[in-house]
Amino acid sequence: MENTINFNIPLSFQQLLDLVRQLPRPEREKLVTVIRDEDFDDEEPTKAQILENLKQDYIALKAGTLKTWPLKDVLNEL
């Protein structure tokens, strides 16, 4: 049996947590599995990725091919 509800209601994290806790245990476990398996785009880079990026930038800097950004663009990224 599948139920569908479509609402566009902003919820706080606590409200969402309270709703999830109302789900039956098998449904909560399924939700956890789906969330864990989800590939999020906003993941932080690993230490190895950061070091590799720094290495590549250093090589490009020494070769004179490092592309730089205007300070205004860097500040907008923050």
PDB file of N, CA and C in Angstrom:
ATOM      1  N   MET A   1       0.852  -1.184   0.000  1.00  0.00           N
ATOM      2  CA  MET A   1       0.000   0.000   0.000  1.00  0.00           C
ATOM      3  C   MET A   1       0.892   1.239   0.000  1.00  0.00           C
ATOM      4  N   GLU A   2       0.650   2.090  -0.942  1.00  0.00           N
ATOM      5  CA  GLU A   2       1.464   3.290  -1.054  1.00  0.00           C
ATOM      6  C   GLU A   2       0.581   4.513  -0.911  1.00  0.00           C
ATOM      7  N   ASN A   3       1.018   5.422  -0.076  1.00  0.00           N
ATOM      8  CA  ASN A   3       0.282   6.669   0.145  1.00  0.00           C
ATOM      9  C   ASN A   3       1.087   7.813  -0.427  1.00  0.00           C
ATOM     10  N   THR A   4       0.390   8.775  -0.994  1.00  0.00           N
ATOM     11  CA  THR A   4       1.051   9.938  -1.553  1.00  0.00           C
ATOM     12  C   THR A   4       0.378  11.202  -1.035  1.00  0.00           C
ATOM     13  N   ILE A   5       1.225  12.102  -0.529  1.00  0.00           N
ATOM     14  CA  ILE A   5       0.737  13.405  -0.080  1.00  0.00           C
ATOM     15  C   ILE A   5       1.645  14.448  -0.707  1.00  0.00           C
ATOM     16  N   ASN A   6       1.062  15.446  -1.320  1.00  0.00           N
ATOM     17  CA  ASN A   6       1.835  16.518  -1.926  1.00  0.00           C
ATOM     18  C   ASN A   6       1.479  17.842  -1.261  1.00  0.00           C
ATOM     19  N   PHE A   7       2.429  18.363  -0.499  1.00  0.00           N
ATOM     20  CA  PHE A   7       2.276  19.655   0.146  1.00  0.00           C
ATOM     21  C   PHE A   7       3.532  20.462  -0.091  1.00  0.00           C
ATOM     22  N   ASN A   8       3.374  21.747  -0.112  1.00  0.00           N
ATOM     23  CA  ASN A   8       4.519  22.631  -0.187  1.00  0.00           C
ATOM     24  C   ASN A   8       4.525  23.467   1.089  1.00  0.00           C
ATOM     25  N   ILE A   9       4.938  22.825   2.170  1.00  0.00           N
ATOM     26  CA  ILE A   9       4.927  23.460   3.484  1.00  0.00           C
ATOM     27  C   ILE A   9       6.356  23.470   4.014  1.00  0.00           C
ATOM     28  N   PRO A  10       6.896  24.647   4.306  1.00  0.00           N
ATOM     29  CA  PRO A  10       8.253  24.679   4.865  1.00  0.00           C
ATOM     30  C   PRO A  10       8.256  24.078   6.272  1.00  0.00           C
ATOM     31  N   LEU A  11       9.178  23.168   6.505  1.00  0.00           N
ATOM     32  CA  LEU A  11       9.289  22.521   7.805  1.00  0.00           C
ATOM     33  C   LEU A  11      10.664  22.789   8.392  1.00  0.00           C
ATOM     34  N   SER A  12      10.702  22.913   9.685  1.00  0.00           N
ATOM     35  CA  SER A  12      11.997  22.997  10.355  1.00  0.00           C
ATOM     36  C   SER A  12      12.566  21.587  10.425  1.00  0.00           C
ATOM     37  N   PHE A  13      13.823  21.493  10.743  1.00  0.00           N
ATOM     38  CA  PHE A  13      14.446  20.185  10.871  1.00  0.00           C
ATOM     39  C   PHE A  13      13.735  19.377  11.951  1.00  0.00           C
ATOM     40  N   GLN A  14      13.417  20.010  13.050  1.00  0.00           N
ATOM     41  CA  GLN A  14      12.751  19.304  14.150  1.00  0.00           C
ATOM     42  C   GLN A  14      11.370  18.799  13.723  1.00  0.00           C
ATOM     43  N   GLN A  15      10.632  19.594  12.981  1.00  0.00           N
ATOM     44  CA  GLN A  15       9.317  19.167  12.505  1.00  0.00           C
ATOM     45  C   GLN A  15       9.435  17.968  11.569  1.00  0.00           C
ATOM     46  N   LEU A  16      10.425  18.014  10.688  1.00  0.00           N
ATOM     47  CA  LEU A  16      10.650  16.891   9.788  1.00  0.00           C
ATOM     48  C   LEU A  16      11.035  15.641  10.571  1.00  0.00           C
ATOM     49  N   LEU A  17      11.881  15.817  11.552  1.00  0.00           N
ATOM     50  CA  LEU A  17      12.287  14.699  12.396  1.00  0.00           C
ATOM     51  C   LEU A  17      11.093  14.083  13.114  1.00  0.00           C
ATOM     52  N   ASP A  18      10.206  14.918  13.625  1.00  0.00           N
ATOM     53  CA  ASP A  18       9.004  14.420  14.295  1.00  0.00           C
ATOM     54  C   ASP A  18       8.119  13.630  13.332  1.00  0.00           C
ATOM     55  N   LEU A  19       8.010  14.095  12.096  1.00  0.00           N
ATOM     56  CA  LEU A  19       7.210  13.369  11.102  1.00  0.00           C
ATOM     57  C   LEU A  19       7.832  12.019  10.763  1.00  0.00           C
ATOM     58  N   VAL A  20       9.129  12.004  10.603  1.00  0.00           N
ATOM     59  CA  VAL A  20       9.804  10.752  10.274  1.00  0.00           C
ATOM     60  C   VAL A  20       9.657   9.748  11.405  1.00  0.00           C
ATOM     61  N   ARG A  21       9.713  10.223  12.620  1.00  0.00           N
ATOM     62  CA  ARG A  21       9.560   9.324  13.774  1.00  0.00           C
ATOM     63  C   ARG A  21       8.171   8.697  13.842  1.00  0.00           C
ATOM     64  N   GLN A  22       7.212   9.273  13.172  1.00  0.00           N
ATOM     65  CA  GLN A  22       5.858   8.713  13.156  1.00  0.00           C
ATOM     66  C   GLN A  22       5.726   7.561  12.159  1.00  0.00           C
ATOM     67  N   LEU A  23       6.702   7.420  11.271  1.00  0.00           N
ATOM     68  CA  LEU A  23       6.656   6.335  10.298  1.00  0.00           C
ATOM     69  C   LEU A  23       6.864   4.988  10.993  1.00  0.00           C
ATOM     70  N   PRO A  24       6.270   3.934  10.438  1.00  0.00           N
ATOM     71  CA  PRO A  24       6.557   2.606  10.972  1.00  0.00           C
ATOM     72  C   PRO A  24       8.044   2.273  10.785  1.00  0.00           C
ATOM     73  N   ARG A  25       8.563   1.452  11.646  1.00  0.00           N
ATOM     74  CA  ARG A  25       9.994   1.130  11.640  1.00  0.00           C
ATOM     75  C   ARG A  25      10.508   0.690  10.262  1.00  0.00           C
ATOM     76  N   PRO A  26       9.833  -0.207   9.549  1.00  0.00           N
ATOM     77  CA  PRO A  26      10.362  -0.602   8.225  1.00  0.00           C
ATOM     78  C   PRO A  26      10.461   0.577   7.255  1.00  0.00           C
ATOM     79  N   GLU A  27       9.504   1.488   7.335  1.00  0.00           N
ATOM     80  CA  GLU A  27       9.543   2.669   6.452  1.00  0.00           C
ATOM     81  C   GLU A  27      10.686   3.601   6.833  1.00  0.00           C
ATOM     82  N   ARG A  28      10.941   3.760   8.118  1.00  0.00           N
ATOM     83  CA  ARG A  28      12.064   4.598   8.563  1.00  0.00           C
ATOM     84  C   ARG A  28      13.385   3.997   8.090  1.00  0.00           C
ATOM     85  N   GLU A  29      13.511   2.678   8.213  1.00  0.00           N
ATOM     86  CA  GLU A  29      14.736   2.019   7.771  1.00  0.00           C
ATOM     87  C   GLU A  29      14.932   2.167   6.263  1.00  0.00           C
ATOM     88  N   LYS A  30      13.850   2.076   5.525  1.00  0.00           N
ATOM     89  CA  LYS A  30      13.924   2.263   4.070  1.00  0.00           C
ATOM     90  C   LYS A  30      14.353   3.690   3.739  1.00  0.00           C
ATOM     91  N   LEU A  31      13.819   4.663   4.462  1.00  0.00           N
ATOM     92  CA  LEU A  31      14.180   6.059   4.258  1.00  0.00           C
ATOM     93  C   LEU A  31      15.661   6.290   4.554  1.00  0.00           C
ATOM     94  N   VAL A  32      16.147   5.703   5.624  1.00  0.00           N
ATOM     95  CA  VAL A  32      17.566   5.826   5.982  1.00  0.00           C
ATOM     96  C   VAL A  32      18.438   5.239   4.877  1.00  0.00           C
ATOM     97  N   THR A  33      18.048   4.097   4.352  1.00  0.00           N
ATOM     98  CA  THR A  33      18.804   3.457   3.282  1.00  0.00           C
ATOM     99  C   THR A  33      18.853   4.344   2.043  1.00  0.00           C
ATOM    100  N   VAL A  34      17.728   4.918   1.686  1.00  0.00           N
ATOM    101  CA  VAL A  34      17.671   5.788   0.507  1.00  0.00           C
ATOM    102  C   VAL A  34      18.543   7.023   0.709  1.00  0.00           C
ATOM    103  N   ILE A  35      18.498   7.613   1.891  1.00  0.00           N
ATOM    104  CA  ILE A  35      19.293   8.819   2.166  1.00  0.00           C
ATOM    105  C   ILE A  35      20.779   8.490   2.143  1.00  0.00           C
ATOM    106  N   ARG A  36      21.162   7.372   2.729  1.00  0.00           N
ATOM    107  CA  ARG A  36      22.584   6.984   2.741  1.00  0.00           C
ATOM    108  C   ARG A  36      23.110   6.700   1.340  1.00  0.00           C
ATOM    109  N   ASP A  37      22.279   6.132   0.492  1.00  0.00           N
ATOM    110  CA  ASP A  37      22.694   5.780  -0.861  1.00  0.00           C
ATOM    111  C   ASP A  37      22.666   6.971  -1.815  1.00  0.00           C
ATOM    112  N   GLU A  38      22.039   8.052  -1.407  1.00  0.00           N
ATOM    113  CA  GLU A  38      21.917   9.236  -2.252  1.00  0.00           C
ATOM    114  C   GLU A  38      23.287   9.869  -2.463  1.00  0.00           C
ATOM    115  N   ASP A  39      23.559  10.262  -3.680  1.00  0.00           N
ATOM    116  CA  ASP A  39      24.811  10.928  -4.011  1.00  0.00           C
ATOM    117  C   ASP A  39      24.564  12.434  -3.982  1.00  0.00           C
ATOM    118  N   PHE A  40      25.027  13.077  -2.937  1.00  0.00           N
ATOM    119  CA  PHE A  40      24.798  14.504  -2.784  1.00  0.00           C
ATOM    120  C   PHE A  40      25.902  15.295  -3.480  1.00  0.00           C
ATOM    121  N   ASP A  41      25.512  16.339  -4.181  1.00  0.00           N
ATOM    122  CA  ASP A  41      26.467  17.168  -4.890  1.00  0.00           C
ATOM    123  C   ASP A  41      27.230  18.114  -3.972  1.00  0.00           C
ATOM    124  N   ASP A  42      26.690  18.340  -2.793  1.00  0.00           N
ATOM    125  CA  ASP A  42      27.299  19.315  -1.907  1.00  0.00           C
ATOM    126  C   ASP A  42      28.248  18.682  -0.893  1.00  0.00           C
ATOM    127  N   GLU A  43      28.774  17.499  -1.208  1.00  0.00           N
ATOM    128  CA  GLU A  43      29.695  16.840  -0.304  1.00  0.00           C
ATOM    129  C   GLU A  43      31.015  17.599  -0.263  1.00  0.00           C
ATOM    130  N   GLU A  44      31.611  17.599   0.905  1.00  0.00           N
ATOM    131  CA  GLU A  44      32.904  18.235   1.074  1.00  0.00           C
ATOM    132  C   GLU A  44      33.972  17.389   0.385  1.00  0.00           C
ATOM    133  N   PRO A  45      34.958  18.022  -0.197  1.00  0.00           N
ATOM    134  CA  PRO A  45      36.031  17.246  -0.823  1.00  0.00           C
ATOM    135  C   PRO A  45      36.852  16.518   0.243  1.00  0.00           C
ATOM    136  N   THR A  46      37.417  15.385  -0.131  1.00  0.00           N
ATOM    137  CA  THR A  46      38.256  14.643   0.795  1.00  0.00           C
ATOM    138  C   THR A  46      39.611  15.324   0.917  1.00  0.00           C
ATOM    139  N   LYS A  47      40.355  14.931   1.927  1.00  0.00           N
ATOM    140  CA  LYS A  47      41.685  15.482   2.128  1.00  0.00           C
ATOM    141  C   LYS A  47      42.562  15.195   0.906  1.00  0.00           C
ATOM    142  N   ALA A  48      42.430  13.990   0.366  1.00  0.00           N
ATOM    143  CA  ALA A  48      43.220  13.619  -0.816  1.00  0.00           C
ATOM    144  C   ALA A  48      42.873  14.500  -2.016  1.00  0.00           C
ATOM    145  N   GLN A  49      41.588  14.810  -2.192  1.00  0.00           N
ATOM    146  CA  GLN A  49      41.179  15.674  -3.303  1.00  0.00           C
ATOM    147  C   GLN A  49      41.732  17.082  -3.137  1.00  0.00           C
ATOM    148  N   ILE A  50      41.691  17.584  -1.923  1.00  0.00           N
ATOM    149  CA  ILE A  50      42.215  18.932  -1.658  1.00  0.00           C
ATOM    150  C   ILE A  50      43.712  18.985  -1.941  1.00  0.00           C
ATOM    151  N   LEU A  51      44.432  17.973  -1.464  1.00  0.00           N
ATOM    152  CA  LEU A  51      45.874  17.946  -1.702  1.00  0.00           C
ATOM    153  C   LEU A  51      46.200  17.811  -3.185  1.00  0.00           C
ATOM    154  N   GLU A  52      45.432  16.993  -3.903  1.00  0.00           N
ATOM    155  CA  GLU A  52      45.655  16.838  -5.341  1.00  0.00           C
ATOM    156  C   GLU A  52      45.403  18.165  -6.074  1.00  0.00           C
ATOM    157  N   ASN A  53      44.342  18.868  -5.685  1.00  0.00           N
ATOM    158  CA  ASN A  53      44.045  20.169  -6.296  1.00  0.00           C
ATOM    159  C   ASN A  53      45.166  21.169  -6.028  1.00  0.00           C
ATOM    160  N   LEU A  54      45.667  21.178  -4.795  1.00  0.00           N
ATOM    161  CA  LEU A  54      46.773  22.078  -4.461  1.00  0.00           C
ATOM    162  C   LEU A  54      48.022  21.727  -5.266  1.00  0.00           C
ATOM    163  N   LYS A  55      48.280  20.441  -5.410  1.00  0.00           N
ATOM    164  CA  LYS A  55      49.436  19.990  -6.194  1.00  0.00           C
ATOM    165  C   LYS A  55      49.314  20.459  -7.640  1.00  0.00           C
ATOM    166  N   GLN A  56      48.139  20.282  -8.230  1.00  0.00           N
ATOM    167  CA  GLN A  56      47.927  20.696  -9.616  1.00  0.00           C
ATOM    168  C   GLN A  56      48.057  22.213  -9.760  1.00  0.00           C
ATOM    169  N   ASP A  57      47.533  22.957  -8.786  1.00  0.00           N
ATOM    170  CA  ASP A  57      47.657  24.423  -8.829  1.00  0.00           C
ATOM    171  C   ASP A  57      49.117  24.854  -8.704  1.00  0.00           C
ATOM    172  N   TYR A  58      49.864  24.178  -7.845  1.00  0.00           N
ATOM    173  CA  TYR A  58      51.279  24.522  -7.676  1.00  0.00           C
ATOM    174  C   TYR A  58      52.060  24.267  -8.966  1.00  0.00           C
ATOM    175  N   ILE A  59      51.773  23.137  -9.606  1.00  0.00           N
ATOM    176  CA  ILE A  59      52.433  22.810 -10.876  1.00  0.00           C
ATOM    177  C   ILE A  59      52.090  23.864 -11.934  1.00  0.00           C
ATOM    178  N   ALA A  60      50.821  24.256 -11.993  1.00  0.00           N
ATOM    179  CA  ALA A  60      50.393  25.271 -12.963  1.00  0.00           C
ATOM    180  C   ALA A  60      51.014  26.627 -12.640  1.00  0.00           C
ATOM    181  N   LEU A  61      51.148  26.950 -11.348  1.00  0.00           N
ATOM    182  CA  LEU A  61      51.767  28.206 -10.946  1.00  0.00           C
ATOM    183  C   LEU A  61      53.223  28.252 -11.390  1.00  0.00           C
ATOM    184  N   LYS A  62      53.940  27.172 -11.163  1.00  0.00           N
ATOM    185  CA  LYS A  62      55.352  27.112 -11.561  1.00  0.00           C
ATOM    186  C   LYS A  62      55.502  27.180 -13.085  1.00  0.00           C
ATOM    187  N   ALA A  63      54.537  26.599 -13.795  1.00  0.00           N
ATOM    188  CA  ALA A  63      54.601  26.614 -15.262  1.00  0.00           C
ATOM    189  C   ALA A  63      54.072  27.921 -15.847  1.00  0.00           C
ATOM    190  N   GLY A  64      53.467  28.757 -15.005  1.00  0.00           N
ATOM    191  CA  GLY A  64      52.922  30.027 -15.480  1.00  0.00           C
ATOM    192  C   GLY A  64      51.579  29.892 -16.174  1.00  0.00           C
ATOM    193  N   THR A  65      50.897  28.778 -15.943  1.00  0.00           N
ATOM    194  CA  THR A  65      49.605  28.555 -16.606  1.00  0.00           C
ATOM    195  C   THR A  65      48.429  28.558 -15.627  1.00  0.00           C
ATOM    196  N   LEU A  66      48.676  28.939 -14.387  1.00  0.00           N
ATOM    197  CA  LEU A  66      47.616  28.944 -13.386  1.00  0.00           C
ATOM    198  C   LEU A  66      46.585  30.013 -13.720  1.00  0.00           C
ATOM    199  N   LYS A  67      45.338  29.606 -13.831  1.00  0.00           N
ATOM    200  CA  LYS A  67      44.261  30.550 -14.097  1.00  0.00           C
ATOM    201  C   LYS A  67      43.788  31.114 -12.761  1.00  0.00           C
ATOM    202  N   THR A  68      43.726  32.415 -12.683  1.00  0.00           N
ATOM    203  CA  THR A  68      43.314  33.055 -11.440  1.00  0.00           C
ATOM    204  C   THR A  68      41.949  33.699 -11.612  1.00  0.00           C
ATOM    205  N   TRP A  69      41.320  33.994 -10.483  1.00  0.00           N
ATOM    206  CA  TRP A  69      40.012  34.659 -10.468  1.00  0.00           C
ATOM    207  C   TRP A  69      40.192  36.057  -9.900  1.00  0.00           C
ATOM    208  N   PRO A  70      39.382  36.992 -10.360  1.00  0.00           N
ATOM    209  CA  PRO A  70      39.383  38.314  -9.725  1.00  0.00           C
ATOM    210  C   PRO A  70      38.917  38.182  -8.274  1.00  0.00           C
ATOM    211  N   LEU A  71      39.457  38.991  -7.396  1.00  0.00           N
ATOM    212  CA  LEU A  71      39.114  38.921  -5.972  1.00  0.00           C
ATOM    213  C   LEU A  71      37.619  39.045  -5.748  1.00  0.00           C
ATOM    214  N   LYS A  72      36.965  39.867  -6.547  1.00  0.00           N
ATOM    215  CA  LYS A  72      35.512  40.047  -6.420  1.00  0.00           C
ATOM    216  C   LYS A  72      34.787  38.703  -6.600  1.00  0.00           C
ATOM    217  N   ASP A  73      35.215  37.915  -7.581  1.00  0.00           N
ATOM    218  CA  ASP A  73      34.594  36.605  -7.816  1.00  0.00           C
ATOM    219  C   ASP A  73      34.852  35.642  -6.664  1.00  0.00           C
ATOM    220  N   VAL A  74      36.075  35.704  -6.117  1.00  0.00           N
ATOM    221  CA  VAL A  74      36.405  34.831  -4.989  1.00  0.00           C
ATOM    222  C   VAL A  74      35.513  35.173  -3.793  1.00  0.00           C
ATOM    223  N   LEU A  75      35.364  36.430  -3.512  1.00  0.00           N
ATOM    224  CA  LEU A  75      34.537  36.859  -2.380  1.00  0.00           C
ATOM    225  C   LEU A  75      33.073  36.499  -2.605  1.00  0.00           C
ATOM    226  N   ASN A  76      32.609  36.562  -3.840  1.00  0.00           N
ATOM    227  CA  ASN A  76      31.225  36.172  -4.124  1.00  0.00           C
ATOM    228  C   ASN A  76      30.999  34.695  -3.889  1.00  0.00           C
ATOM    229  N   GLU A  77      32.034  33.874  -4.080  1.00  0.00           N
ATOM    230  CA  GLU A  77      31.926  32.442  -3.832  1.00  0.00           C
ATOM    231  C   GLU A  77      31.728  32.146  -2.350  1.00  0.00           C
ATOM    232  N   LEU A  78      32.272  33.005  -1.509  1.00  0.00           N
ATOM    233  CA  LEU A  78      32.171  32.804  -0.055  1.00  0.00           C
ATOM    234  C   LEU A  78      30.789  33.193   0.394  1.00  0.00           C
TER     235      LEU A  78
END
